[in-house]
């Protein structure tokens, strides 16, 4: 069946947990590729950040991880109206998803 949502790459072989609608894989943006120099620069910054929850957030921002995650969450939600965080985790990080969790 065709899904009406824009930005859909393909229908996935399972349904959304709350709605029962077919889950769709969204078209995601390519995240930037870093040069070796930039990777080394970021690694050095991350080593000097320290520890703790604030340091973890800063590390995610330095690596662009938080921005990439937000982007992927947005396109997943747009491609899957009615989806939940559990649906997103099942698609984005299947090893971290636990049925019934």
Protein backbone atom coordinates (compact mmCIF):
# COMPACT_ATOMS: atom_id res chain seq x y z
CA UNK A 1 0.00 0.00 0.00
CA UNK A 2 1.13 3.56 -0.69
CA UNK A 3 1.51 5.88 2.27
CA UNK A 4 0.23 9.42 1.86
CA UNK A 5 3.03 11.08 3.86
CA UNK A 6 5.68 13.02 1.99
CA UNK A 7 9.33 12.27 2.62
CA UNK A 8 8.82 8.50 2.78
CA UNK A 9 11.55 6.26 1.42
CA UNK A 10 9.68 2.98 1.96
CA UNK A 11 7.12 1.19 4.11
CA UNK A 12 8.64 -0.85 6.91
CA UNK A 13 7.58 -4.43 7.72
CA UNK A 14 5.81 -3.47 10.95
CA UNK A 15 3.05 -1.14 12.18
CA UNK A 16 3.13 1.88 14.48
CA UNK A 17 2.51 0.80 18.05
CA UNK A 18 -0.43 3.07 18.95
CA UNK A 19 -2.22 3.48 15.63
CA UNK A 20 -1.55 0.20 13.80
CA UNK A 21 -0.73 2.21 10.65
CA UNK A 22 2.17 0.92 8.55
CA UNK A 23 5.48 2.37 9.76
CA UNK A 24 7.46 4.26 7.13
CA UNK A 25 11.16 4.87 6.74
CA UNK A 26 11.69 8.61 6.23
CA UNK A 27 14.08 10.25 3.84
CA UNK A 28 16.80 11.61 6.12
CA UNK A 29 19.38 14.30 5.51
CA UNK A 30 22.98 13.36 4.99
CA UNK A 31 24.92 14.49 8.00
CA UNK A 32 28.21 16.28 7.33
CA UNK A 33 31.40 14.32 6.84
CA UNK A 34 34.33 15.74 8.76
CA UNK A 35 37.93 16.02 7.62
CA UNK A 36 40.59 14.23 9.65
CA UNK A 37 41.81 17.58 11.04
CA UNK A 38 38.31 18.51 12.19
CA UNK A 39 37.80 15.09 13.81
CA UNK A 40 41.07 15.49 15.74
CA UNK A 41 40.08 19.02 16.79
CA UNK A 42 36.71 17.82 18.07
CA UNK A 43 38.27 14.86 19.90
CA UNK A 44 40.63 17.24 21.69
CA UNK A 45 37.75 19.54 22.67
CA UNK A 46 35.72 16.58 23.93
CA UNK A 47 38.62 15.32 26.05
CA UNK A 48 38.83 18.73 27.72
CA UNK A 49 35.10 19.06 28.44
CA UNK A 50 35.13 16.99 31.64
CA UNK A 51 32.48 14.61 32.99
CA UNK A 52 28.88 14.76 34.10
CA UNK A 53 25.54 15.38 32.43
CA UNK A 54 26.38 18.91 31.28
CA UNK A 55 29.59 17.60 29.72
CA UNK A 56 27.61 14.89 27.91
CA UNK A 57 25.26 17.47 26.42
CA UNK A 58 28.19 19.63 25.37
CA UNK A 59 29.90 16.62 23.77
CA UNK A 60 26.74 15.82 21.80
CA UNK A 61 26.54 19.40 20.59
CA UNK A 62 30.22 19.45 19.65
CA UNK A 63 29.84 16.31 17.60
CA UNK A 64 26.68 17.49 15.90
CA UNK A 65 24.95 14.44 17.32
CA UNK A 66 22.13 16.34 18.96
CA UNK A 67 21.37 18.30 15.79
CA UNK A 68 21.41 15.09 13.70
CA UNK A 69 19.16 13.30 16.21
CA UNK A 70 16.62 16.15 16.22
CA UNK A 71 16.62 16.18 12.42
CA UNK A 72 16.05 12.43 12.24
CA UNK A 73 13.28 12.61 14.85
CA UNK A 74 11.53 15.37 12.92
CA UNK A 75 11.54 13.54 9.59
CA UNK A 76 10.44 10.30 11.27
CA UNK A 77 7.49 12.05 12.89
CA UNK A 78 6.56 13.75 9.61
CA UNK A 79 6.63 10.43 7.75
CA UNK A 80 4.73 8.67 10.53
CA UNK A 81 1.87 10.80 11.89
CA UNK A 82 0.71 9.39 15.21
CA UNK A 83 4.06 7.76 15.94
CA UNK A 84 5.50 7.66 19.46
CA UNK A 85 9.02 7.85 20.88
CA UNK A 86 8.93 4.04 21.13
CA UNK A 87 8.26 3.82 17.38
CA UNK A 88 11.19 6.15 16.70
CA UNK A 89 13.58 4.17 18.90
CA UNK A 90 12.50 0.91 17.23
CA UNK A 91 13.45 2.39 13.83
CA UNK A 92 16.48 4.52 14.84
CA UNK A 93 18.18 2.15 17.26
CA UNK A 94 16.59 -1.31 17.10
CA UNK A 95 19.04 -2.75 19.66
CA UNK A 96 17.79 -0.21 22.24
CA UNK A 97 14.10 -0.89 21.65
CA UNK A 98 12.38 -3.30 24.02
CA UNK A 99 8.90 -4.57 23.15
CA UNK A 100 6.39 -3.50 25.75
CA UNK A 101 8.80 -0.82 27.06
